[in-house]
Amino acid sequence: MIPRPLLALAIGALLVDPARSAAPGSGLDADDLAIAAALRDGTLASNPSYALVEDLTTTVGPRLAGTPADHRAVRWAEARFKALGYDRVWTQEVTFPYWRRGHESGAIVGAHAQPLMLTTLGGSVGTGGRPIETEVVMFPDLDALKAAPDGSLAGKIAFIDRRMERLRDGAGYGPVVGARSDGASEAARKGAVALLIRSVGTSRNRFAHTGQMRYAEGVPKIPAAALSTPDADQIARLLARGETVRVRLDLAAVEAGIGHSWNVFGEVTGREKPDEVVVIGGHLDSWDQGTGALDDGAGVAITMAAGAAIAKAPRRPARTVRVIAWASEENGLMGARQYAASVGAGWAAHQVAAESDFGAGRIYALRAGASPEAWPVVEAIGTVLAPLGIATESSGGGPGPDVGPLVALGVPWAQLAQDGTDYFDYHHTPNDTLDKIDPAALDQQVAAYAAFAWLAAETDIDFGQAPVPPAGGR
């Protein structure tokens, strides 16, 4: 429950300052802004977000899609939604290829023998029940590998050595992730028997970053693994000396039929337009090495707690707020695709969608992709978020991964951009654990999501349709 003194203070502040009493063209009045401000301050002072992510990572832990732990996480999410006071809780089944890692090892052999710290990429085949041992050929990036002559890597291991740049908004990820997703098939086209990549991450620690890869149709499937940064450096140094580097790989990954999981939904029913929805959420599954605290236990906890705060607000918003714990994000947005397929032509019932899937760093910017008529609403929301240190930006950004399939239908998006300066130190590694989370940062995010979702659901203005991205855009 939001304390009445906070609500009274927020209303008083807005009435004292006429410039803040309403936002022209936003479909929001002084009382609306006051309730959102009180919701912001109440959740900033007290909310269950840290307790939620602590409980998820402690009692469930790693949640690779389709595993028994993933199924426990689904039951956990259902129980928490109900305990938090949501009006309606339900699930939606999702199916996908079920992949298992198995044992994995690698080593440089010969005159400079030493073990390699590596991890199999998600979806990769194994080495066929016995190790592969052969020469490594290094490429500075994926484009260089693509440019290699056909057949030039026959019987060899391709190694892509592109290093990721550390940036607050995570923009260093896009230029390097293609090596992880597409590198194996490109290497196979050149005759390679396996692929190694420098980990897609910014950590200098000696552990590797996993992540999903995919095989192109009609191309042989070869095993693929990521090297820790120090081990990638070691291979690069030896090759720079003119040495021939031979590596032994032993990977036991396998695709084991069809996996099952479930999107989990919690709704706070709107008082006037219950069939129109504002969507927020995070993904429930995780990779199998850490405990999925940052990716994406934090996002699930933040949005669950925000929805719970809205359920206890002194007035429900006009529209429904739907919180989604997405299934099977890590191996191809399977839950998001299933949900978008079920929405189909009814996408216009979605006012706006936003996702928390970038760790636990504080939010620093609000951005949106909506019709121009909705921009006064975004600016009004921005005035309520500003005391949290959040700027409203009229350009840049983009939807979260699980929101993407909805945006492709036309659903408008919002981004509450988080500081990801150190996110890729931990992303998809054994080091994605609870100790990396600052509870105060979670509180700031819950406050922002609660105020954002309440106002987006309350305004009289429709967010319209997501703009068509420019050619060559995201």
Protein backbone atom coordinates (compact mmCIF):
# COMPACT_ATOMS: atom_id res chain seq x y z
CA MET A 1 0.00 0.00 0.00
CA ILE A 2 1.32 3.47 -0.89
CA PRO A 3 1.52 5.52 2.33
CA ARG A 4 -1.15 8.25 2.40
CA PRO A 5 1.39 10.91 3.51
CA LEU A 6 3.38 10.29 0.31
CA LEU A 7 0.24 10.63 -1.80
CA ALA A 8 -0.74 13.85 -0.04
CA LEU A 9 2.75 15.31 -0.50
CA ALA A 10 2.81 14.43 -4.19
CA ILE A 11 -0.61 15.97 -4.82
CA GLY A 12 0.34 19.06 -2.84
CA ALA A 13 3.56 19.53 -4.80
CA LEU A 14 1.73 19.33 -8.10
CA LEU A 15 -1.01 21.74 -7.05
CA VAL A 16 1.51 24.28 -5.73
CA ASP A 17 3.32 24.35 -9.07
CA PRO A 18 0.77 24.98 -11.88
CA ALA A 19 3.42 24.26 -14.51
CA ARG A 20 3.49 20.67 -13.27
CA SER A 21 -0.21 20.30 -12.68
CA ALA A 22 -0.97 18.79 -16.06
CA ALA A 23 0.75 17.98 -19.33
CA PRO A 24 -1.05 19.43 -22.39
CA GLY A 25 -1.88 16.80 -24.96
CA SER A 26 -0.94 13.93 -22.67
CA GLY A 27 -4.41 12.87 -21.59
CA LEU A 28 -3.19 13.06 -17.99
CA ASP A 29 -4.31 15.47 -15.27
CA ALA A 30 -2.82 16.62 -11.96
CA ASP A 31 -4.29 13.74 -9.99
CA ASP A 32 -2.85 11.21 -12.45
CA LEU A 33 0.63 12.67 -12.14
CA ALA A 34 0.28 12.80 -8.35
CA ILE A 35 -0.68 9.15 -8.08
CA ALA A 36 2.24 8.17 -10.32
CA ALA A 37 4.64 10.29 -8.24
CA ALA A 38 3.37 8.68 -5.04
CA LEU A 39 3.68 5.25 -6.65
CA ARG A 40 7.25 6.12 -7.63
CA ASP A 41 8.20 7.26 -4.14
CA GLY A 42 6.41 4.42 -2.38
CA THR A 43 8.14 1.73 -4.43
CA LEU A 44 11.47 3.54 -4.15
CA ALA A 45 11.11 3.29 -0.37
CA SER A 46 9.90 -0.31 -0.19
CA ASN A 47 9.27 -3.12 -2.66
CA PRO A 48 9.95 -6.88 -2.90
CA SER A 49 12.23 -6.87 -5.95
CA TYR A 50 15.49 -7.89 -4.28
CA ALA A 51 13.72 -10.53 -2.21
CA LEU A 52 12.21 -11.93 -5.41
CA VAL A 53 15.47 -12.26 -7.32
CA GLU A 54 17.20 -13.61 -4.20
CA ASP A 55 14.52 -16.27 -3.86
CA LEU A 56 14.59 -17.20 -7.56
CA THR A 57 18.36 -17.55 -7.74
CA THR A 58 18.65 -19.32 -4.38
CA THR A 59 15.80 -21.80 -4.61
CA VAL A 60 15.79 -22.42 -8.37
CA GLY A 61 19.19 -21.28 -9.67
CA PRO A 62 20.17 -21.83 -13.33
CA ARG A 63 17.10 -22.23 -15.54
CA LEU A 64 18.09 -23.52 -18.97
CA ALA A 65 14.90 -23.71 -21.03
CA GLY A 66 13.16 -27.06 -20.84
CA THR A 67 15.08 -28.41 -17.84
CA PRO A 68 13.47 -29.45 -14.55
CA ALA A 69 14.86 -26.24 -13.02
CA ASP A 70 13.11 -24.19 -15.70
CA HIS A 71 9.86 -25.95 -14.87
CA ARG A 72 10.39 -25.16 -11.17
CA ALA A 73 10.88 -21.53 -12.15
CA VAL A 74 7.52 -21.54 -13.94
CA ARG A 75 5.82 -22.80 -10.79
CA TRP A 76 7.77 -20.23 -8.77
CA ALA A 77 6.55 -17.40 -11.01
CA GLU A 78 2.92 -18.53 -10.81
CA ALA A 79 3.09 -18.68 -7.01
CA ARG A 80 4.78 -15.28 -6.69
CA PHE A 81 2.30 -13.54 -8.99
CA LYS A 82 -0.54 -14.90 -6.86
CA ALA A 83 1.14 -13.99 -3.57
CA LEU A 84 1.77 -10.44 -4.80
CA GLY A 85 -1.93 -9.82 -5.32
CA TYR A 86 -2.32 -9.94 -9.10
CA ASP A 87 -5.92 -10.22 -10.29
CA ARG A 88 -5.29 -12.92 -12.85
CA VAL A 89 -2.42 -15.41 -13.29
CA TRP A 90 -2.08 -17.92 -16.13
CA THR A 91 0.43 -19.67 -18.39
CA GLN A 92 0.97 -20.32 -22.10
CA GLU A 93 2.84 -23.41 -23.27
CA VAL A 94 5.90 -22.96 -25.51
CA THR A 95 7.86 -25.66 -27.38
CA PHE A 96 11.38 -25.52 -28.81
CA PRO A 97 14.44 -27.69 -29.56
CA TYR A 98 15.77 -28.94 -26.20
CA TRP A 99 19.56 -28.51 -26.04
CA ARG A 100 21.91 -29.90 -23.38
CA ARG A 101 25.55 -28.93 -22.85
CA GLY A 102 27.33 -32.07 -21.58
CA HIS A 103 31.04 -32.12 -20.78
CA GLU A 104 33.39 -29.68 -22.52
CA SER A 105 37.15 -29.25 -22.58
CA GLY A 106 39.84 -27.80 -24.78
CA ALA A 107 43.61 -27.49 -24.82
CA ILE A 108 46.51 -26.27 -26.89
CA VAL A 109 48.65 -29.31 -27.66
CA GLY A 110 52.26 -29.67 -28.72
CA ALA A 111 55.27 -27.58 -27.73
CA HIS A 112 53.20 -24.88 -25.97
CA ALA A 113 50.61 -27.17 -24.42
CA GLN A 114 48.17 -25.74 -21.89
CA PRO A 115 44.46 -26.04 -21.08
CA LEU A 116 41.90 -23.65 -22.50
CA MET A 117 38.96 -22.20 -20.60
CA LEU A 118 36.04 -22.44 -23.02
CA THR A 119 32.32 -23.10 -23.18
CA THR A 120 30.10 -24.61 -25.83
CA LEU A 121 27.78 -22.19 -27.61
CA GLY A 122 24.07 -22.83 -27.18
CA GLY A 123 22.61 -25.02 -29.91
CA SER A 124 26.00 -26.35 -31.00
CA VAL A 125 26.58 -29.97 -31.90
CA GLY A 126 29.27 -31.87 -30.07
CA THR A 127 32.47 -33.35 -31.39
CA GLY A 128 30.89 -36.73 -32.13
CA GLY A 129 31.90 -38.67 -29.04
CA ARG A 130 35.64 -38.15 -29.47
CA PRO A 131 37.97 -35.14 -29.47
CA ILE A 132 38.89 -33.09 -32.51
CA GLU A 133 42.58 -32.20 -32.72
CA THR A 134 43.81 -29.95 -35.51
CA GLU A 135 45.38 -26.62 -36.51
CA VAL A 136 43.81 -23.25 -35.75
CA VAL A 137 43.46 -20.47 -38.33
CA MET A 138 42.72 -16.99 -36.93
CA PHE A 139 40.48 -14.27 -38.43
CA PRO A 140 40.12 -10.73 -37.06
CA ASP A 141 36.34 -10.74 -37.54
CA LEU A 142 33.43 -12.53 -39.19
CA ASP A 143 33.80 -10.58 -42.43
CA ALA A 144 37.37 -11.79 -42.82
CA LEU A 145 36.19 -15.38 -42.39
CA LYS A 146 33.48 -14.85 -45.00
CA ALA A 147 36.14 -13.54 -47.40
CA ALA A 148 38.33 -16.66 -47.07
CA PRO A 149 38.45 -18.88 -50.18
CA ASP A 150 36.10 -21.84 -50.25
CA GLY A 151 37.85 -24.96 -49.01
CA SER A 152 40.77 -23.02 -47.51
CA LEU A 153 40.00 -24.27 -43.97
CA ALA A 154 39.61 -27.96 -44.85
CA GLY A 155 40.19 -30.01 -41.70
CA LYS A 156 41.05 -26.96 -39.56
CA ILE A 157 39.51 -24.95 -36.72
CA ALA A 158 38.49 -21.37 -37.48
CA PHE A 159 39.13 -18.82 -34.71
CA ILE A 160 37.39 -15.40 -34.80
CA ASP A 161 39.26 -12.92 -32.61
CA ARG A 162 36.99 -9.83 -32.62
CA ARG A 163 37.08 -8.02 -29.24
CA MET A 164 33.95 -6.38 -27.78
CA GLU A 165 34.01 -2.69 -26.84
CA ARG A 166 32.72 -1.63 -23.40
CA LEU A 167 29.91 0.96 -23.70
CA ARG A 168 27.17 2.06 -21.28
CA ASP A 169 24.34 1.29 -23.69
CA GLY A 170 25.76 -2.07 -24.77
CA ALA A 171 26.29 -0.89 -28.35
CA GLY A 172 29.53 -2.88 -28.50
CA TYR A 173 27.50 -6.10 -28.58
CA GLY A 174 26.02 -5.77 -32.06
CA PRO A 175 29.30 -5.61 -34.01
CA VAL A 176 30.65 -8.81 -32.41
CA VAL A 177 27.65 -11.07 -31.79
CA GLY A 178 27.45 -12.16 -35.43
CA ALA A 179 30.59 -14.24 -34.90
CA ARG A 180 28.75 -16.20 -32.24
CA SER A 181 25.45 -16.59 -34.09
CA ASP A 182 26.68 -17.17 -37.66
CA GLY A 183 30.36 -18.06 -37.38
CA ALA A 184 29.99 -21.84 -37.35
CA SER A 185 28.13 -22.03 -40.65
CA GLU A 186 30.51 -19.55 -42.28
CA ALA A 187 33.47 -21.63 -41.08
CA ALA A 188 31.84 -24.83 -42.33
CA ARG A 189 31.39 -23.26 -45.77
CA LYS A 190 35.16 -22.89 -45.90
CA GLY A 191 35.74 -26.51 -44.87
CA ALA A 192 36.44 -26.01 -41.13
CA VAL A 193 35.68 -28.82 -38.70
CA ALA A 194 35.04 -26.55 -35.69
CA LEU A 195 34.76 -22.90 -34.65
CA LEU A 196 36.29 -20.99 -31.75
CA ILE A 197 35.44 -17.36 -30.98
CA ARG A 198 36.74 -14.82 -28.51
CA SER A 199 33.95 -14.55 -25.95
CA VAL A 200 31.28 -11.97 -26.68
CA GLY A 201 31.87 -10.02 -23.48
CA THR A 202 34.03 -7.41 -21.76
CA SER A 203 35.42 -9.41 -18.83
CA ARG A 204 39.15 -9.98 -18.44
CA ASN A 205 38.49 -12.98 -16.14
CA ARG A 206 39.34 -16.48 -17.21
CA PHE A 207 35.87 -17.77 -17.91
CA ALA A 208 34.02 -17.91 -21.20
CA HIS A 209 30.68 -16.37 -22.22
CA THR A 210 28.14 -18.72 -23.77
CA GLY A 211 25.17 -17.68 -25.92
CA GLN A 212 22.98 -18.96 -28.71
CA MET A 213 24.27 -19.75 -32.18
CA ARG A 214 22.39 -21.00 -35.23
CA TYR A 215 23.12 -23.18 -38.23
CA ALA A 216 22.28 -22.17 -41.79
CA GLU A 217 20.16 -24.54 -43.83
CA GLY A 218 22.09 -26.88 -46.08
CA VAL A 219 25.47 -26.26 -44.40
CA PRO A 220 27.29 -28.96 -42.37
CA LYS A 221 26.90 -28.53 -38.60
CA ILE A 222 30.24 -28.16 -36.85
CA PRO A 223 30.89 -27.70 -33.11
CA ALA A 224 31.35 -24.18 -31.80
CA ALA A 225 32.76 -22.82 -28.54
CA ALA A 226 33.77 -19.51 -26.97
CA LEU A 227 37.16 -18.90 -25.37
CA SER A 228 37.81 -16.82 -22.28
CA THR A 229 39.56 -13.54 -23.05
CA PRO A 230 42.96 -14.63 -21.60
CA ASP A 231 42.87 -17.85 -23.61
CA ALA A 232 41.93 -16.02 -26.81
CA ASP A 233 44.87 -13.72 -26.10
CA GLN A 234 47.16 -16.72 -25.66
CA ILE A 235 46.26 -18.23 -29.04
CA ALA A 236 46.57 -14.82 -30.72
CA ARG A 237 50.05 -14.28 -29.21
CA LEU A 238 51.30 -17.67 -30.35
CA LEU A 239 50.02 -17.10 -33.87
CA ALA A 240 51.59 -13.63 -33.92
CA ARG A 241 54.94 -15.31 -33.19
CA GLY A 242 54.51 -17.41 -36.29
CA GLU A 243 53.79 -20.60 -34.34
CA THR A 244 51.47 -23.30 -35.59
CA VAL A 245 48.75 -23.74 -32.97
CA ARG A 246 46.97 -27.07 -32.63
CA VAL A 247 43.94 -27.40 -30.38
CA ARG A 248 42.10 -30.42 -29.01
CA LEU A 249 38.34 -29.97 -28.47
CA ASP A 250 36.02 -32.39 -26.69
CA LEU A 251 32.40 -31.21 -26.57
CA ALA A 252 29.44 -33.42 -25.68
CA ALA A 253 26.54 -31.06 -26.47
CA VAL A 254 23.39 -32.59 -27.92
CA GLU A 255 19.91 -31.60 -29.06
CA ALA A 256 17.52 -33.92 -27.21
CA GLY A 257 14.13 -33.64 -28.86
CA ILE A 258 11.42 -31.10 -28.10
CA GLY A 259 11.50 -29.03 -24.92
CA HIS A 260 8.54 -27.51 -23.11
CA SER A 261 8.16 -24.41 -21.00
CA TRP A 262 5.55 -21.75 -20.32
CA ASN A 263 5.15 -17.98 -20.48
CA VAL A 264 3.77 -16.89 -17.11
CA PHE A 265 1.38 -13.91 -16.95
CA GLY A 266 0.22 -11.74 -14.09
CA GLU A 267 -2.41 -9.05 -14.69
CA VAL A 268 -3.66 -6.02 -12.81
CA THR A 269 -7.08 -5.42 -14.37
CA GLY A 270 -7.82 -1.94 -15.69
CA ARG A 271 -10.84 -0.14 -14.27
CA GLU A 272 -12.23 1.23 -17.58
CA LYS A 273 -10.54 -0.51 -20.52
CA PRO A 274 -9.64 -3.97 -19.20
CA ASP A 275 -9.18 -5.42 -22.69
CA GLU A 276 -6.44 -2.92 -23.54
CA VAL A 277 -3.03 -3.73 -22.05
CA VAL A 278 0.32 -2.25 -21.18
CA VAL A 279 2.96 -5.01 -21.22
CA ILE A 280 6.09 -5.08 -19.07
CA GLY A 281 8.24 -8.08 -18.21
CA GLY A 282 11.50 -9.99 -18.30
CA HIS A 283 12.51 -13.52 -19.29
CA LEU A 284 12.39 -16.37 -16.81
CA ASP A 285 14.90 -18.78 -18.37
CA SER A 286 18.66 -18.40 -18.09
CA TRP A 287 21.86 -20.02 -19.25
CA ASP A 288 23.11 -22.94 -17.20
CA GLN A 289 26.43 -21.68 -15.86
CA GLY A 290 25.54 -18.84 -13.46
CA THR A 291 22.26 -18.43 -11.58
CA GLY A 292 20.69 -15.98 -14.02
CA ALA A 293 20.57 -13.14 -11.49
CA LEU A 294 21.33 -10.37 -13.97
CA ASP A 295 20.04 -12.17 -17.06
CA ASP A 296 17.21 -12.05 -16.34
CA GLY A 297 16.14 -12.72 -12.78
CA ALA A 298 16.49 -9.00 -12.12
CA GLY A 299 14.13 -8.10 -14.96
CA VAL A 300 11.49 -10.56 -13.77
CA ALA A 301 11.75 -9.26 -10.20
CA ILE A 302 11.67 -5.58 -11.23
CA THR A 303 8.55 -5.89 -13.36
CA MET A 304 6.78 -8.27 -10.95
CA ALA A 305 7.33 -5.79 -8.13
CA ALA A 306 6.22 -2.85 -10.29
CA GLY A 307 2.96 -4.60 -11.19
CA ALA A 308 2.38 -5.51 -7.55
CA ALA A 309 2.77 -1.85 -6.57
CA ILE A 310 0.23 -0.83 -9.23
CA ALA A 311 -2.21 -3.42 -7.82
CA LYS A 312 -2.00 -1.63 -4.45
CA ALA A 313 -2.26 1.92 -5.82
CA PRO A 314 -5.13 4.09 -4.53
CA ARG A 315 -6.68 3.95 -8.01
CA ARG A 316 -6.26 1.30 -10.69
CA PRO A 317 -5.21 2.65 -14.10
CA ALA A 318 -7.77 2.69 -16.91
CA ARG A 319 -6.08 -0.10 -18.85
CA THR A 320 -4.78 -3.48 -17.72
CA VAL A 321 -1.11 -3.87 -16.82
CA ARG A 322 0.16 -7.29 -17.95
CA VAL A 323 3.48 -8.53 -16.57
CA ILE A 324 5.04 -11.38 -18.56
CA ALA A 325 7.77 -13.75 -17.41
CA TRP A 326 8.82 -14.86 -20.89
CA ALA A 327 9.87 -18.44 -21.60
CA SER A 328 12.86 -19.66 -23.57
CA GLU A 329 14.35 -16.29 -24.52
CA GLU A 330 17.95 -17.46 -24.58
CA ASN A 331 17.50 -20.06 -27.29
CA GLY A 332 15.61 -17.92 -29.77
CA LEU A 333 12.83 -15.79 -28.19
CA MET A 334 10.55 -18.80 -28.31
CA GLY A 335 8.13 -17.56 -25.66
CA ALA A 336 7.95 -14.10 -27.21
CA ARG A 337 7.29 -15.53 -30.65
CA GLN A 338 4.54 -17.77 -29.30
CA TYR A 339 2.89 -14.86 -27.51
CA ALA A 340 3.06 -12.61 -30.59
CA ALA A 341 1.57 -15.39 -32.72
CA SER A 342 -1.32 -15.69 -30.26
CA VAL A 343 -1.84 -11.90 -30.37
CA GLY A 344 -1.79 -11.72 -34.18
CA ALA A 345 -4.24 -9.27 -35.66
CA GLY A 346 -5.33 -8.22 -32.19
CA TRP A 347 -2.05 -6.39 -31.56
CA ALA A 348 -3.79 -2.99 -31.37
CA ALA A 349 -5.15 -3.91 -27.93
CA HIS A 350 -1.56 -3.42 -26.74
CA GLN A 351 -1.00 0.21 -25.74
CA VAL A 352 2.78 -0.15 -25.35
CA ALA A 353 5.32 -2.81 -24.36
CA ALA A 354 8.58 -2.52 -22.42
CA GLU A 355 11.07 -5.12 -21.22
CA SER A 356 13.73 -5.22 -18.50
CA ASP A 357 16.51 -7.45 -19.87
CA PHE A 358 19.81 -5.64 -19.43
CA GLY A 359 20.97 -6.54 -15.95
CA ALA A 360 20.50 -4.54 -12.76
CA GLY A 361 22.16 -1.20 -13.51
CA ARG A 362 20.20 2.00 -12.86
CA ILE A 363 17.90 3.42 -15.52
CA TYR A 364 19.25 6.62 -17.05
CA ALA A 365 16.95 7.32 -20.02
CA LEU A 366 13.37 6.92 -21.22
CA ARG A 367 12.91 6.38 -24.96
CA ALA A 368 9.94 5.27 -27.02
CA GLY A 369 8.79 4.16 -30.45
CA ALA A 370 5.19 5.32 -30.85
CA SER A 371 3.02 7.62 -32.95
CA PRO A 372 3.89 11.35 -32.78
CA GLU A 373 0.56 12.01 -31.07
CA ALA A 374 1.76 9.98 -28.09
CA TRP A 375 4.93 12.00 -27.52
CA PRO A 376 3.28 14.39 -24.99
CA VAL A 377 2.45 11.29 -22.94
CA VAL A 378 6.09 10.17 -23.02
CA GLU A 379 7.19 13.65 -21.93
CA ALA A 380 4.65 13.64 -19.10
CA ILE A 381 5.92 10.25 -17.94
CA GLY A 382 9.43 11.66 -18.18
CA THR A 383 8.62 14.46 -15.72
CA VAL A 384 7.64 11.86 -13.12
CA LEU A 385 10.76 9.78 -13.79
CA ALA A 386 13.15 12.76 -13.77
CA PRO A 387 13.64 12.77 -9.95
CA LEU A 388 15.04 9.24 -10.33
CA GLY A 389 17.85 10.59 -12.52
CA ILE A 390 16.15 9.50 -15.76
CA ALA A 391 16.30 11.74 -18.83
CA THR A 392 13.67 11.66 -21.58
CA GLU A 393 15.31 11.19 -24.97
CA SER A 394 13.43 11.72 -28.21
CA SER A 395 15.66 9.49 -30.35
CA GLY A 396 17.71 6.32 -30.11
CA GLY A 397 17.11 3.11 -28.27
CA GLY A 398 14.95 0.19 -29.28
CA PRO A 399 12.65 -2.50 -27.95
CA GLY A 400 13.89 -5.34 -25.77
CA PRO A 401 14.38 -8.76 -27.38
CA ASP A 402 11.11 -10.31 -26.18
CA VAL A 403 9.19 -7.17 -27.15
CA GLY A 404 10.59 -7.38 -30.69
CA PRO A 405 8.01 -9.86 -32.08
CA LEU A 406 5.20 -7.61 -30.80
CA VAL A 407 6.82 -4.53 -32.34
CA ALA A 408 7.02 -6.39 -35.65
CA LEU A 409 3.21 -6.55 -35.53
CA GLY A 410 2.94 -2.81 -34.87
CA VAL A 411 2.87 -2.59 -31.05
CA PRO A 412 4.55 0.62 -29.77
CA TRP A 413 7.55 0.16 -27.48
CA ALA A 414 9.24 1.97 -24.65
CA GLN A 415 12.78 1.55 -23.36
CA LEU A 416 13.82 2.30 -19.81
CA ALA A 417 17.52 2.25 -20.66
CA GLN A 418 19.80 0.79 -18.00
CA ASP A 419 23.47 1.48 -17.37
CA GLY A 420 25.15 -1.58 -18.84
CA THR A 421 28.77 -0.50 -18.41
CA ASP A 422 29.68 -3.73 -16.62
CA TYR A 423 26.80 -5.93 -17.81
CA PHE A 424 28.90 -7.80 -20.36
CA ASP A 425 31.49 -8.64 -17.72
CA TYR A 426 28.95 -11.15 -16.37
CA HIS A 427 26.60 -11.83 -19.30
CA HIS A 428 26.20 -15.56 -20.04
CA THR A 429 28.96 -16.59 -17.61
CA PRO A 430 29.29 -18.52 -14.32
CA ASN A 431 29.68 -15.08 -12.70
CA ASP A 432 26.05 -14.05 -13.33
CA THR A 433 25.13 -14.35 -9.64
CA LEU A 434 23.19 -12.47 -6.99
CA ASP A 435 26.18 -10.67 -5.47
CA LYS A 436 26.43 -8.48 -8.59
CA ILE A 437 23.07 -6.83 -7.81
CA ASP A 438 22.74 -3.58 -5.87
CA PRO A 439 19.32 -3.61 -4.10
CA ALA A 440 19.08 0.20 -4.28
CA ALA A 441 19.47 0.07 -8.07
CA LEU A 442 16.61 -2.44 -8.25
CA ASP A 443 14.45 -0.09 -6.16
CA GLN A 444 15.09 2.75 -8.61
CA GLN A 445 14.05 0.54 -11.51
CA VAL A 446 10.87 -0.69 -9.83
CA ALA A 447 9.91 2.92 -9.09
CA ALA A 448 10.44 3.83 -12.74
CA TYR A 449 8.55 0.85 -14.16
CA ALA A 450 5.62 1.32 -11.77
CA ALA A 451 5.19 5.01 -12.62
CA PHE A 452 5.72 4.39 -16.34
CA ALA A 453 3.24 1.52 -16.59
CA TRP A 454 0.58 3.26 -14.48
CA LEU A 455 0.68 6.45 -16.56
CA ALA A 456 0.85 4.60 -19.90
CA ALA A 457 -2.21 2.61 -18.84
CA GLU A 458 -4.08 5.68 -17.53
CA THR A 459 -3.70 8.23 -20.34
CA ASP A 460 -6.57 8.97 -22.73
CA ILE A 461 -4.07 9.03 -25.60
CA ASP A 462 -3.45 5.92 -27.69
CA PHE A 463 0.23 5.20 -28.37
CA GLY A 464 -0.69 4.31 -31.94
CA GLN A 465 1.70 2.14 -33.92
CA ALA A 466 5.42 1.53 -33.73
CA PRO A 467 7.25 3.56 -36.43
CA VAL A 468 8.66 1.61 -39.32
CA PRO A 469 12.44 1.43 -38.76
CA PRO A 470 14.63 3.09 -41.42
CA ALA A 471 16.36 0.92 -44.00
CA GLY A 472 19.42 -0.62 -42.41
CA GLY A 473 18.14 0.16 -38.91
CA ARG A 474 17.60 -2.17 -36.00
